[in-house]
Amino acid sequence: ANRDIKTWSAYPTFYDDSIITQSYGMTASRFEVYRLDASTGKAVWTKELEKPQRIYPPVIYERRVYVPLTTSIVCLDYSNGNELWRKDYGRYITSNPSFTDRAVIVCLDNSDLAVINPADGTVTTTLRFGEKSGPLFVTVRDMIYAAYNEKRDVSGKSVSFARVKAVNMTDFATQREFAAPNPGGVAQPLASRGALILPA
């Protein structure tokens, strides 16, 4: 147990023998990222950052910690918590971040997926799904499976239907698509043993 963390904002990420987690202390108005020793709970390092509008879990890739902060991503050194780079995208981050073998991926403004170079934070590709489409995604090896809301006209009314697009990370070509026959918005898709599970 670590009693120095007074308020815990959940979303832990496990890596090697450590836990990366975040805490926002309302009394002190401090937002901090912690690397904790998983066996003892003691802090290896702590990094204070500005409080994001919404707290998303960090992701770790090649011993770097990527922390979403409202419209930015901050990259921290896993070993000591030092800031390596910071990139502001000028748009709200609206999903948990994920990564593949070559990129970090986030949703921006509930409409696009930004494929980000983990070395410096630059956006290498933007996958567009439409305004307020709310894309949610899962990555499997070099594929992104993006589920999003598609508006269709039903008896003169605009109705949301779920749609899934499978995109190859090598050339960003669409490999497969699926359109749900019945109306309903999408939720976070899952992938397991070769199957894609789409709550809709």
N, C-alpha and C. Protein backbone atom coordinates (compact mmCIF):
# COMPACT_ATOMS: atom_id res chain seq x y z
N ALA A 1 0.84 -1.19 0.00
CA ALA A 1 0.00 0.00 0.00
C ALA A 1 0.88 1.24 0.00
N ASN A 2 0.39 2.26 -0.70
CA ASN A 2 1.10 3.55 -0.70
C ASN A 2 0.13 4.61 -0.19
N ARG A 3 0.33 5.02 1.06
CA ARG A 3 -0.59 5.98 1.69
C ARG A 3 -0.24 7.42 1.36
N ASP A 4 0.84 7.62 0.57
CA ASP A 4 1.17 8.98 0.13
C ASP A 4 0.23 9.45 -0.97
N ILE A 5 -0.39 8.50 -1.67
CA ILE A 5 -1.35 8.85 -2.72
C ILE A 5 -2.71 9.02 -2.05
N LYS A 6 -3.13 10.25 -1.86
CA LYS A 6 -4.35 10.54 -1.09
C LYS A 6 -5.61 10.30 -1.89
N THR A 7 -5.59 10.65 -3.17
CA THR A 7 -6.74 10.40 -4.04
C THR A 7 -6.24 9.68 -5.27
N TRP A 8 -6.96 8.68 -5.66
CA TRP A 8 -6.52 7.83 -6.75
C TRP A 8 -7.51 7.93 -7.89
N SER A 9 -7.03 8.21 -9.07
CA SER A 9 -7.90 8.40 -10.22
C SER A 9 -8.00 7.15 -11.10
N ALA A 10 -7.56 6.03 -10.58
CA ALA A 10 -7.70 4.73 -11.25
C ALA A 10 -6.89 4.67 -12.55
N TYR A 11 -7.33 3.81 -13.47
CA TYR A 11 -6.65 3.59 -14.75
C TYR A 11 -5.18 3.23 -14.60
N PRO A 12 -4.86 2.20 -13.83
CA PRO A 12 -3.44 1.81 -13.75
C PRO A 12 -2.98 1.10 -15.02
N THR A 13 -1.70 1.22 -15.31
CA THR A 13 -1.08 0.51 -16.41
C THR A 13 0.08 -0.29 -15.84
N PHE A 14 0.16 -1.57 -16.17
CA PHE A 14 1.21 -2.44 -15.65
C PHE A 14 2.30 -2.63 -16.70
N TYR A 15 3.56 -2.54 -16.27
CA TYR A 15 4.68 -2.69 -17.19
C TYR A 15 5.87 -3.22 -16.41
N ASP A 16 6.45 -4.31 -16.89
CA ASP A 16 7.56 -4.95 -16.17
C ASP A 16 7.17 -5.18 -14.71
N ASP A 17 7.93 -4.60 -13.78
CA ASP A 17 7.65 -4.77 -12.36
C ASP A 17 7.05 -3.51 -11.76
N SER A 18 6.39 -2.71 -12.59
CA SER A 18 5.88 -1.42 -12.13
C SER A 18 4.41 -1.23 -12.46
N ILE A 19 3.81 -0.28 -11.74
CA ILE A 19 2.45 0.19 -12.01
C ILE A 19 2.57 1.69 -12.32
N ILE A 20 2.01 2.11 -13.44
CA ILE A 20 1.93 3.53 -13.76
C ILE A 20 0.49 3.96 -13.52
N THR A 21 0.31 4.94 -12.64
CA THR A 21 -1.05 5.39 -12.34
C THR A 21 -1.05 6.90 -12.13
N GLN A 22 -2.26 7.44 -11.96
CA GLN A 22 -2.43 8.89 -11.86
C GLN A 22 -3.27 9.24 -10.65
N SER A 23 -3.08 10.44 -10.15
CA SER A 23 -3.83 10.90 -8.99
C SER A 23 -4.11 12.38 -9.13
N TYR A 24 -5.37 12.75 -8.85
CA TYR A 24 -5.70 14.16 -8.79
C TYR A 24 -6.18 14.49 -7.39
N GLY A 25 -5.37 15.26 -6.67
CA GLY A 25 -5.73 15.66 -5.31
C GLY A 25 -6.53 16.95 -5.35
N MET A 26 -7.80 16.88 -5.02
CA MET A 26 -8.67 18.06 -5.11
C MET A 26 -8.29 19.13 -4.10
N THR A 27 -7.84 18.71 -2.92
CA THR A 27 -7.48 19.69 -1.89
C THR A 27 -6.30 20.53 -2.34
N ALA A 28 -5.27 19.87 -2.84
CA ALA A 28 -4.08 20.58 -3.29
C ALA A 28 -4.16 20.98 -4.76
N SER A 29 -5.20 20.49 -5.46
CA SER A 29 -5.37 20.74 -6.89
C SER A 29 -4.10 20.35 -7.66
N ARG A 30 -3.65 19.12 -7.42
CA ARG A 30 -2.44 18.61 -8.07
C ARG A 30 -2.77 17.33 -8.84
N PHE A 31 -2.33 17.28 -10.09
CA PHE A 31 -2.46 16.08 -10.91
C PHE A 31 -1.07 15.49 -11.07
N GLU A 32 -0.91 14.24 -10.67
CA GLU A 32 0.41 13.61 -10.69
C GLU A 32 0.35 12.23 -11.33
N VAL A 33 1.43 11.90 -12.01
CA VAL A 33 1.63 10.56 -12.57
C VAL A 33 2.67 9.86 -11.71
N TYR A 34 2.39 8.61 -11.34
CA TYR A 34 3.28 7.84 -10.48
C TYR A 34 3.77 6.59 -11.20
N ARG A 35 5.03 6.28 -11.00
CA ARG A 35 5.53 4.94 -11.28
C ARG A 35 5.76 4.29 -9.93
N LEU A 36 5.05 3.20 -9.67
CA LEU A 36 5.14 2.51 -8.39
C LEU A 36 5.79 1.14 -8.58
N ASP A 37 6.57 0.74 -7.61
CA ASP A 37 7.08 -0.63 -7.56
C ASP A 37 5.90 -1.56 -7.27
N ALA A 38 5.65 -2.51 -8.16
CA ALA A 38 4.47 -3.36 -8.03
C ALA A 38 4.49 -4.24 -6.79
N SER A 39 5.67 -4.57 -6.30
CA SER A 39 5.75 -5.47 -5.14
C SER A 39 5.63 -4.74 -3.82
N THR A 40 6.03 -3.46 -3.77
CA THR A 40 6.00 -2.73 -2.50
C THR A 40 5.02 -1.55 -2.49
N GLY A 41 4.63 -1.06 -3.67
CA GLY A 41 3.75 0.11 -3.74
C GLY A 41 4.49 1.43 -3.58
N LYS A 42 5.81 1.38 -3.36
CA LYS A 42 6.58 2.61 -3.18
C LYS A 42 6.82 3.30 -4.52
N ALA A 43 6.85 4.63 -4.47
CA ALA A 43 7.04 5.42 -5.69
C ALA A 43 8.48 5.35 -6.18
N VAL A 44 8.66 5.00 -7.44
CA VAL A 44 9.97 5.06 -8.09
C VAL A 44 10.20 6.50 -8.54
N TRP A 45 9.14 7.13 -9.09
CA TRP A 45 9.17 8.55 -9.39
C TRP A 45 7.74 9.10 -9.45
N THR A 46 7.64 10.41 -9.32
CA THR A 46 6.37 11.14 -9.42
C THR A 46 6.57 12.33 -10.33
N LYS A 47 5.58 12.56 -11.20
CA LYS A 47 5.67 13.70 -12.12
C LYS A 47 4.37 14.50 -12.04
N GLU A 48 4.50 15.78 -11.67
CA GLU A 48 3.31 16.65 -11.64
C GLU A 48 3.08 17.26 -13.01
N LEU A 49 1.83 17.17 -13.48
CA LEU A 49 1.43 17.73 -14.76
C LEU A 49 0.15 18.53 -14.58
N GLU A 50 -0.22 19.32 -15.59
CA GLU A 50 -1.48 20.04 -15.50
C GLU A 50 -2.65 19.06 -15.58
N LYS A 51 -3.72 19.38 -14.86
CA LYS A 51 -4.87 18.48 -14.81
C LYS A 51 -5.58 18.43 -16.16
N PRO A 52 -5.80 17.23 -16.70
CA PRO A 52 -6.53 17.11 -17.96
C PRO A 52 -8.03 17.29 -17.72
N GLN A 53 -8.74 17.64 -18.78
CA GLN A 53 -10.19 17.77 -18.67
C GLN A 53 -10.83 16.43 -18.33
N ARG A 54 -10.27 15.36 -18.90
CA ARG A 54 -10.71 14.00 -18.60
C ARG A 54 -9.48 13.14 -18.46
N ILE A 55 -9.48 12.25 -17.49
CA ILE A 55 -8.31 11.41 -17.23
C ILE A 55 -8.44 10.10 -18.01
N TYR A 56 -7.45 9.86 -18.88
CA TYR A 56 -7.35 8.60 -19.61
C TYR A 56 -6.10 7.87 -19.14
N PRO A 57 -6.08 6.54 -19.23
CA PRO A 57 -4.89 5.81 -18.79
C PRO A 57 -3.70 6.08 -19.70
N PRO A 58 -2.50 6.13 -19.14
CA PRO A 58 -1.30 6.25 -19.98
C PRO A 58 -1.02 4.93 -20.67
N VAL A 59 -0.25 4.98 -21.74
CA VAL A 59 0.25 3.75 -22.36
C VAL A 59 1.78 3.79 -22.34
N ILE A 60 2.39 2.62 -22.38
CA ILE A 60 3.84 2.52 -22.34
C ILE A 60 4.30 1.77 -23.59
N TYR A 61 5.27 2.34 -24.26
CA TYR A 61 5.82 1.74 -25.48
C TYR A 61 7.31 1.99 -25.49
N GLU A 62 8.08 0.91 -25.58
CA GLU A 62 9.55 0.98 -25.62
C GLU A 62 10.10 1.89 -24.52
N ARG A 63 9.64 1.64 -23.30
CA ARG A 63 10.12 2.32 -22.09
C ARG A 63 9.89 3.83 -22.13
N ARG A 64 8.80 4.20 -22.75
CA ARG A 64 8.32 5.58 -22.69
C ARG A 64 6.87 5.57 -22.26
N VAL A 65 6.49 6.56 -21.45
CA VAL A 65 5.13 6.65 -20.92
C VAL A 65 4.42 7.80 -21.63
N TYR A 66 3.28 7.50 -22.26
CA TYR A 66 2.53 8.50 -23.02
C TYR A 66 1.26 8.86 -22.24
N VAL A 67 1.18 10.13 -21.82
CA VAL A 67 0.08 10.59 -20.96
C VAL A 67 -0.79 11.58 -21.74
N PRO A 68 -2.08 11.26 -21.97
CA PRO A 68 -2.97 12.22 -22.64
C PRO A 68 -3.38 13.33 -21.67
N LEU A 69 -3.32 14.59 -22.15
CA LEU A 69 -3.70 15.75 -21.34
C LEU A 69 -4.58 16.69 -22.16
N THR A 70 -5.87 16.45 -22.17
CA THR A 70 -6.88 17.27 -22.84
C THR A 70 -6.65 17.35 -24.35
N THR A 71 -5.76 18.22 -24.81
CA THR A 71 -5.48 18.32 -26.25
C THR A 71 -4.04 17.91 -26.58
N SER A 72 -3.31 17.44 -25.59
CA SER A 72 -1.88 17.15 -25.77
C SER A 72 -1.55 15.73 -25.34
N ILE A 73 -0.38 15.28 -25.77
CA ILE A 73 0.23 14.07 -25.22
C ILE A 73 1.61 14.47 -24.71
N VAL A 74 1.91 14.02 -23.49
CA VAL A 74 3.23 14.22 -22.91
C VAL A 74 3.93 12.86 -22.86
N CYS A 75 5.17 12.83 -23.32
CA CYS A 75 5.96 11.60 -23.31
C CYS A 75 6.99 11.70 -22.19
N LEU A 76 6.96 10.71 -21.27
CA LEU A 76 7.88 10.69 -20.14
C LEU A 76 8.83 9.50 -20.26
N ASP A 77 10.02 9.70 -19.75
CA ASP A 77 11.01 8.61 -19.67
C ASP A 77 10.56 7.64 -18.59
N TYR A 78 10.42 6.36 -18.95
CA TYR A 78 9.97 5.35 -17.98
C TYR A 78 10.91 5.23 -16.80
N SER A 79 12.21 5.42 -17.01
CA SER A 79 13.18 5.18 -15.95
C SER A 79 13.16 6.25 -14.86
N ASN A 80 12.90 7.52 -15.24
CA ASN A 80 13.00 8.59 -14.23
C ASN A 80 11.86 9.60 -14.25
N GLY A 81 10.92 9.48 -15.20
CA GLY A 81 9.79 10.41 -15.25
C GLY A 81 10.08 11.73 -15.92
N ASN A 82 11.28 11.92 -16.45
CA ASN A 82 11.60 13.18 -17.13
C ASN A 82 10.79 13.33 -18.41
N GLU A 83 10.38 14.57 -18.70
CA GLU A 83 9.62 14.84 -19.91
C GLU A 83 10.54 14.81 -21.12
N LEU A 84 10.19 13.98 -22.11
CA LEU A 84 10.97 13.85 -23.33
C LEU A 84 10.43 14.74 -24.45
N TRP A 85 9.12 14.78 -24.58
CA TRP A 85 8.49 15.71 -25.52
C TRP A 85 7.03 15.92 -25.14
N ARG A 86 6.46 16.96 -25.72
CA ARG A 86 5.06 17.33 -25.49
C ARG A 86 4.52 17.85 -26.82
N LYS A 87 3.35 17.36 -27.20
CA LYS A 87 2.76 17.79 -28.47
C LYS A 87 1.29 18.15 -28.25
N ASP A 88 0.93 19.38 -28.68
CA ASP A 88 -0.46 19.83 -28.61
C ASP A 88 -1.08 19.67 -30.00
N TYR A 89 -2.23 18.97 -30.04
CA TYR A 89 -2.88 18.68 -31.32
C TYR A 89 -4.00 19.66 -31.65
N GLY A 90 -4.29 20.58 -30.73
CA GLY A 90 -5.31 21.59 -30.98
C GLY A 90 -6.71 21.04 -31.06
N ARG A 91 -6.89 19.79 -30.64
CA ARG A 91 -8.20 19.13 -30.65
C ARG A 91 -8.29 18.25 -29.41
N TYR A 92 -9.49 18.01 -28.94
CA TYR A 92 -9.66 17.22 -27.73
C TYR A 92 -9.38 15.74 -27.98
N ILE A 93 -8.63 15.14 -27.06
CA ILE A 93 -8.43 13.70 -27.08
C ILE A 93 -9.66 13.07 -26.43
N THR A 94 -10.31 12.16 -27.17
CA THR A 94 -11.60 11.62 -26.72
C THR A 94 -11.63 10.10 -26.67
N SER A 95 -10.47 9.48 -26.45
CA SER A 95 -10.44 8.03 -26.29
C SER A 95 -9.22 7.64 -25.48
N ASN A 96 -9.25 6.42 -24.96
CA ASN A 96 -8.05 5.85 -24.39
C ASN A 96 -7.00 5.72 -25.50
N PRO A 97 -5.74 5.99 -25.20
CA PRO A 97 -4.71 5.76 -26.22
C PRO A 97 -4.40 4.28 -26.35
N SER A 98 -3.88 3.90 -27.50
CA SER A 98 -3.43 2.54 -27.73
C SER A 98 -2.17 2.63 -28.58
N PHE A 99 -1.57 1.49 -28.87
CA PHE A 99 -0.37 1.51 -29.70
C PHE A 99 -0.24 0.22 -30.49
N THR A 100 0.50 0.31 -31.58
CA THR A 100 0.88 -0.86 -32.36
C THR A 100 2.40 -0.94 -32.31
N ASP A 101 2.98 -1.75 -33.19
CA ASP A 101 4.44 -1.86 -33.21
C ASP A 101 5.12 -0.58 -33.70
N ARG A 102 4.35 0.36 -34.25
CA ARG A 102 4.98 1.53 -34.84
C ARG A 102 4.29 2.85 -34.53
N ALA A 103 3.22 2.86 -33.73
CA ALA A 103 2.48 4.11 -33.54
C ALA A 103 1.68 4.09 -32.25
N VAL A 104 1.41 5.31 -31.76
CA VAL A 104 0.43 5.53 -30.69
C VAL A 104 -0.81 6.08 -31.37
N ILE A 105 -1.99 5.64 -30.94
CA ILE A 105 -3.24 6.03 -31.61
C ILE A 105 -4.22 6.60 -30.59
N VAL A 106 -4.84 7.74 -30.93
CA VAL A 106 -5.90 8.32 -30.10
C VAL A 106 -7.00 8.84 -31.02
N CYS A 107 -8.19 9.00 -30.44
CA CYS A 107 -9.29 9.64 -31.14
C CYS A 107 -9.26 11.13 -30.83
N LEU A 108 -9.52 11.96 -31.84
CA LEU A 108 -9.57 13.41 -31.66
C LEU A 108 -10.97 13.92 -31.99
N ASP A 109 -11.52 14.73 -31.07
CA ASP A 109 -12.81 15.40 -31.29
C ASP A 109 -13.94 14.45 -31.65
N ASN A 110 -13.89 13.21 -31.16
CA ASN A 110 -14.95 12.25 -31.43
C ASN A 110 -15.20 12.04 -32.92
N SER A 111 -14.16 12.23 -33.74
CA SER A 111 -14.39 12.10 -35.18
C SER A 111 -13.26 11.42 -35.94
N ASP A 112 -12.01 11.64 -35.54
CA ASP A 112 -10.86 11.11 -36.29
C ASP A 112 -9.94 10.30 -35.39
N LEU A 113 -9.23 9.34 -35.98
CA LEU A 113 -8.16 8.64 -35.28
C LEU A 113 -6.83 9.21 -35.76
N ALA A 114 -6.02 9.66 -34.82
CA ALA A 114 -4.70 10.19 -35.13
C ALA A 114 -3.66 9.10 -34.89
N VAL A 115 -2.87 8.81 -35.91
CA VAL A 115 -1.78 7.85 -35.82
C VAL A 115 -0.51 8.66 -35.58
N ILE A 116 0.10 8.47 -34.40
CA ILE A 116 1.14 9.36 -33.90
C ILE A 116 2.49 8.64 -33.85
N ASN A 117 3.53 9.33 -34.32
CA ASN A 117 4.89 8.80 -34.24
C ASN A 117 5.33 8.83 -32.78
N PRO A 118 5.64 7.68 -32.17
CA PRO A 118 6.01 7.67 -30.76
C PRO A 118 7.34 8.34 -30.46
N ALA A 119 8.17 8.58 -31.48
CA ALA A 119 9.48 9.20 -31.26
C ALA A 119 9.37 10.69 -30.96
N ASP A 120 8.39 11.39 -31.60
CA ASP A 120 8.33 12.84 -31.43
C ASP A 120 6.92 13.42 -31.35
N GLY A 121 5.90 12.56 -31.46
CA GLY A 121 4.53 13.03 -31.31
C GLY A 121 3.87 13.56 -32.56
N THR A 122 4.56 13.58 -33.68
CA THR A 122 3.95 14.08 -34.90
C THR A 122 2.87 13.12 -35.40
N VAL A 123 1.82 13.68 -35.99
CA VAL A 123 0.75 12.87 -36.57
C VAL A 123 1.20 12.44 -37.96
N THR A 124 1.31 11.13 -38.15
CA THR A 124 1.75 10.61 -39.45
C THR A 124 0.56 10.39 -40.39
N THR A 125 -0.59 10.03 -39.82
CA THR A 125 -1.79 9.79 -40.62
C THR A 125 -3.01 10.11 -39.78
N THR A 126 -4.05 10.61 -40.42
CA THR A 126 -5.33 10.82 -39.77
C THR A 126 -6.39 10.00 -40.49
N LEU A 127 -7.07 9.14 -39.75
CA LEU A 127 -8.16 8.34 -40.30
C LEU A 127 -9.47 9.04 -39.95
N ARG A 128 -10.21 9.45 -40.97
CA ARG A 128 -11.40 10.27 -40.75
C ARG A 128 -12.67 9.41 -40.84
N PHE A 129 -13.56 9.61 -39.85
CA PHE A 129 -14.79 8.83 -39.80
C PHE A 129 -16.05 9.70 -39.80
N GLY A 130 -15.89 11.00 -39.79
CA GLY A 130 -17.05 11.88 -39.83
C GLY A 130 -17.29 12.55 -38.50
N GLU A 131 -17.88 13.73 -38.55
CA GLU A 131 -18.16 14.51 -37.34
C GLU A 131 -19.09 13.75 -36.39
N LYS A 132 -18.72 13.74 -35.12
CA LYS A 132 -19.49 13.11 -34.05
C LYS A 132 -19.76 11.62 -34.31
N SER A 133 -18.85 10.98 -35.05
CA SER A 133 -19.00 9.54 -35.31
C SER A 133 -18.55 8.69 -34.13
N GLY A 134 -17.78 9.30 -33.22
CA GLY A 134 -17.36 8.63 -31.99
C GLY A 134 -16.61 7.34 -32.20
N PRO A 135 -15.57 7.31 -33.04
CA PRO A 135 -14.89 6.04 -33.28
C PRO A 135 -14.19 5.49 -32.03
N LEU A 136 -14.39 4.21 -31.81
CA LEU A 136 -13.70 3.46 -30.76
C LEU A 136 -12.96 2.33 -31.48
N PHE A 137 -11.83 1.91 -30.94
CA PHE A 137 -11.00 1.02 -31.73
C PHE A 137 -10.25 0.03 -30.88
N VAL A 138 -9.80 -1.01 -31.54
CA VAL A 138 -8.91 -1.99 -30.94
C VAL A 138 -7.83 -2.30 -31.97
N THR A 139 -6.61 -2.50 -31.49
CA THR A 139 -5.51 -2.82 -32.40
C THR A 139 -5.10 -4.27 -32.21
N VAL A 140 -4.87 -4.95 -33.32
CA VAL A 140 -4.37 -6.33 -33.30
C VAL A 140 -3.23 -6.39 -34.31
N ARG A 141 -2.01 -6.57 -33.77
CA ARG A 141 -0.81 -6.53 -34.60
C ARG A 141 -0.82 -5.27 -35.46
N ASP A 142 -0.84 -5.39 -36.78
CA ASP A 142 -0.77 -4.22 -37.66
C ASP A 142 -2.14 -3.82 -38.22
N MET A 143 -3.20 -4.15 -37.49
CA MET A 143 -4.55 -3.78 -37.93
C MET A 143 -5.25 -2.92 -36.88
N ILE A 144 -5.97 -1.92 -37.36
CA ILE A 144 -6.85 -1.14 -36.49
C ILE A 144 -8.28 -1.52 -36.87
N TYR A 145 -9.05 -1.93 -35.87
CA TYR A 145 -10.47 -2.19 -36.07
C TYR A 145 -11.24 -1.05 -35.41
N ALA A 146 -11.81 -0.19 -36.24
CA ALA A 146 -12.49 1.01 -35.73
C ALA A 146 -14.00 0.83 -35.88
N ALA A 147 -14.70 0.96 -34.76
CA ALA A 147 -16.16 0.94 -34.74
C ALA A 147 -16.65 2.37 -34.57
N TYR A 148 -17.61 2.77 -35.38
CA TYR A 148 -18.07 4.15 -35.31
C TYR A 148 -19.56 4.24 -35.66
N ASN A 149 -20.14 5.39 -35.38
CA ASN A 149 -21.55 5.63 -35.64
C ASN A 149 -21.73 6.24 -37.03
N GLU A 150 -22.62 5.65 -37.78
CA GLU A 150 -22.94 6.14 -39.11
C GLU A 150 -24.40 6.55 -39.13
N LYS A 151 -24.66 7.76 -39.58
CA LYS A 151 -26.04 8.25 -39.65
C LYS A 151 -26.70 7.80 -40.96
N ARG A 152 -27.90 7.24 -40.82
CA ARG A 152 -28.68 6.85 -42.00
C ARG A 152 -30.08 7.44 -41.87
N ASP A 153 -30.68 7.69 -43.01
CA ASP A 153 -32.04 8.21 -43.04
C ASP A 153 -33.03 7.05 -42.95
N VAL A 154 -33.84 7.06 -41.90
CA VAL A 154 -34.87 6.03 -41.72
C VAL A 154 -36.21 6.74 -41.56
N SER A 155 -37.03 6.63 -42.58
CA SER A 155 -38.36 7.27 -42.57
C SER A 155 -38.27 8.76 -42.25
N GLY A 156 -37.27 9.40 -42.85
CA GLY A 156 -37.12 10.84 -42.67
C GLY A 156 -36.40 11.25 -41.41
N LYS A 157 -35.91 10.30 -40.62
CA LYS A 157 -35.18 10.61 -39.39
C LYS A 157 -33.73 10.15 -39.51
N SER A 158 -32.84 10.91 -38.91
CA SER A 158 -31.42 10.54 -38.89
C SER A 158 -31.18 9.57 -37.73
N VAL A 159 -30.78 8.35 -38.05
CA VAL A 159 -30.64 7.28 -37.05
C VAL A 159 -29.21 6.75 -37.09
N SER A 160 -28.65 6.48 -35.90
CA SER A 160 -27.29 5.94 -35.80
C SER A 160 -27.28 4.43 -36.00
N PHE A 161 -26.33 3.98 -36.82
CA PHE A 161 -26.06 2.56 -37.01
C PHE A 161 -24.57 2.33 -36.77
N ALA A 162 -24.23 1.16 -36.28
CA ALA A 162 -22.83 0.82 -36.07
C ALA A 162 -22.17 0.38 -37.37
N ARG A 163 -20.93 0.80 -37.53
CA ARG A 163 -20.14 0.39 -38.68
C ARG A 163 -18.73 0.09 -38.20
N VAL A 164 -18.08 -0.90 -38.80
CA VAL A 164 -16.71 -1.27 -38.44
C VAL A 164 -15.85 -1.23 -39.70
N LYS A 165 -14.65 -0.67 -39.53
CA LYS A 165 -13.70 -0.63 -40.63
C LYS A 165 -12.38 -1.21 -40.13
N ALA A 166 -11.83 -2.15 -40.90
CA ALA A 166 -10.52 -2.73 -40.58
C ALA A 166 -9.48 -2.09 -41.49
N VAL A 167 -8.49 -1.42 -40.87
CA VAL A 167 -7.49 -0.66 -41.62
C VAL A 167 -6.11 -1.25 -41.37
N ASN A 168 -5.37 -1.48 -42.45
CA ASN A 168 -4.01 -2.00 -42.36
C ASN A 168 -3.06 -0.86 -42.01
N MET A 169 -2.23 -1.05 -40.98
CA MET A 169 -1.31 0.00 -40.54
C MET A 169 -0.13 0.20 -41.50
N THR A 170 0.10 -0.74 -42.39
CA THR A 170 1.23 -0.62 -43.30
C THR A 170 0.99 0.45 -44.35
N ASP A 171 -0.19 0.40 -44.99
CA ASP A 171 -0.50 1.38 -46.04
C ASP A 171 -1.80 2.13 -45.78
N PHE A 172 -2.44 1.85 -44.64
CA PHE A 172 -3.69 2.49 -44.21
C PHE A 172 -4.84 2.25 -45.19
N ALA A 173 -4.75 1.14 -45.91
CA ALA A 173 -5.85 0.76 -46.79
C ALA A 173 -6.92 0.03 -45.98
N THR A 174 -8.18 0.23 -46.35
CA THR A 174 -9.28 -0.47 -45.70
C THR A 174 -9.33 -1.91 -46.22
N GLN A 175 -9.26 -2.87 -45.30
CA GLN A 175 -9.24 -4.28 -45.66
C GLN A 175 -10.65 -4.88 -45.69
N ARG A 176 -11.45 -4.51 -44.68
CA ARG A 176 -12.81 -5.05 -44.58
C ARG A 176 -13.71 -4.00 -43.95
N GLU A 177 -15.02 -4.12 -44.21
CA GLU A 177 -16.00 -3.25 -43.56
C GLU A 177 -17.23 -4.07 -43.21
N PHE A 178 -17.89 -3.64 -42.15
CA PHE A 178 -19.15 -4.28 -41.74
C PHE A 178 -20.12 -3.19 -41.32
N ALA A 179 -21.35 -3.28 -41.81
CA ALA A 179 -22.40 -2.33 -41.44
C ALA A 179 -23.50 -3.09 -40.72
N ALA A 180 -23.83 -2.64 -39.51
CA ALA A 180 -24.87 -3.32 -38.73
C ALA A 180 -26.23 -3.14 -39.39
N PRO A 181 -27.02 -4.20 -39.45
CA PRO A 181 -28.33 -4.09 -40.11
C PRO A 181 -29.38 -3.36 -39.27
N ASN A 182 -29.17 -3.35 -37.95
CA ASN A 182 -30.15 -2.74 -37.06
C ASN A 182 -29.59 -1.47 -36.42
N PRO A 183 -30.44 -0.52 -36.08
CA PRO A 183 -29.96 0.74 -35.49
C PRO A 183 -29.40 0.54 -34.09
N GLY A 184 -28.52 1.46 -33.70
CA GLY A 184 -27.91 1.42 -32.36
C GLY A 184 -26.49 1.95 -32.41
N GLY A 185 -26.10 2.70 -31.39
CA GLY A 185 -24.75 3.26 -31.32
C GLY A 185 -23.73 2.21 -30.94
N VAL A 186 -22.46 2.53 -31.15
CA VAL A 186 -21.38 1.59 -30.87
C VAL A 186 -20.84 1.77 -29.46
N ALA A 187 -20.20 0.71 -28.97
CA ALA A 187 -19.43 0.74 -27.73
C ALA A 187 -18.04 0.19 -28.05
N GLN A 188 -17.18 0.12 -27.05
CA GLN A 188 -15.79 -0.31 -27.26
C GLN A 188 -15.74 -1.72 -27.84
N PRO A 189 -15.14 -1.92 -29.03
CA PRO A 189 -15.00 -3.27 -29.58
C PRO A 189 -13.89 -4.03 -28.87
N LEU A 190 -13.96 -5.35 -28.94
CA LEU A 190 -12.96 -6.24 -28.35
C LEU A 190 -12.52 -7.24 -29.40
N ALA A 191 -11.30 -7.74 -29.25
CA ALA A 191 -10.79 -8.78 -30.15
C ALA A 191 -10.26 -9.92 -29.31
N SER A 192 -10.62 -11.14 -29.68
CA SER A 192 -10.17 -12.32 -28.94
C SER A 192 -10.17 -13.54 -29.84
N ARG A 193 -9.04 -14.22 -29.93
CA ARG A 193 -8.92 -15.49 -30.66
C ARG A 193 -9.46 -15.40 -32.08
N GLY A 194 -9.11 -14.33 -32.76
CA GLY A 194 -9.51 -14.19 -34.15
C GLY A 194 -10.90 -13.66 -34.38
N ALA A 195 -11.61 -13.31 -33.31
CA ALA A 195 -12.98 -12.80 -33.45
C ALA A 195 -13.04 -11.35 -32.95
N LEU A 196 -13.82 -10.54 -33.65
CA LEU A 196 -14.07 -9.16 -33.24
C LEU A 196 -15.45 -9.11 -32.60
N ILE A 197 -15.52 -8.59 -31.39
CA ILE A 197 -16.79 -8.50 -30.67
C ILE A 197 -17.20 -7.04 -30.66
N LEU A 198 -18.40 -6.77 -31.19
CA LEU A 198 -18.88 -5.41 -31.35
C LEU A 198 -20.16 -5.20 -30.54
N PRO A 199 -20.08 -4.57 -29.36
CA PRO A 199 -21.31 -4.21 -28.65
C PRO A 199 -21.98 -3.03 -29.38
N ALA A 200 -23.21 -3.20 -29.77
CA ALA A 200 -23.91 -2.13 -30.50
C ALA A 200 -25.41 -2.24 -30.27
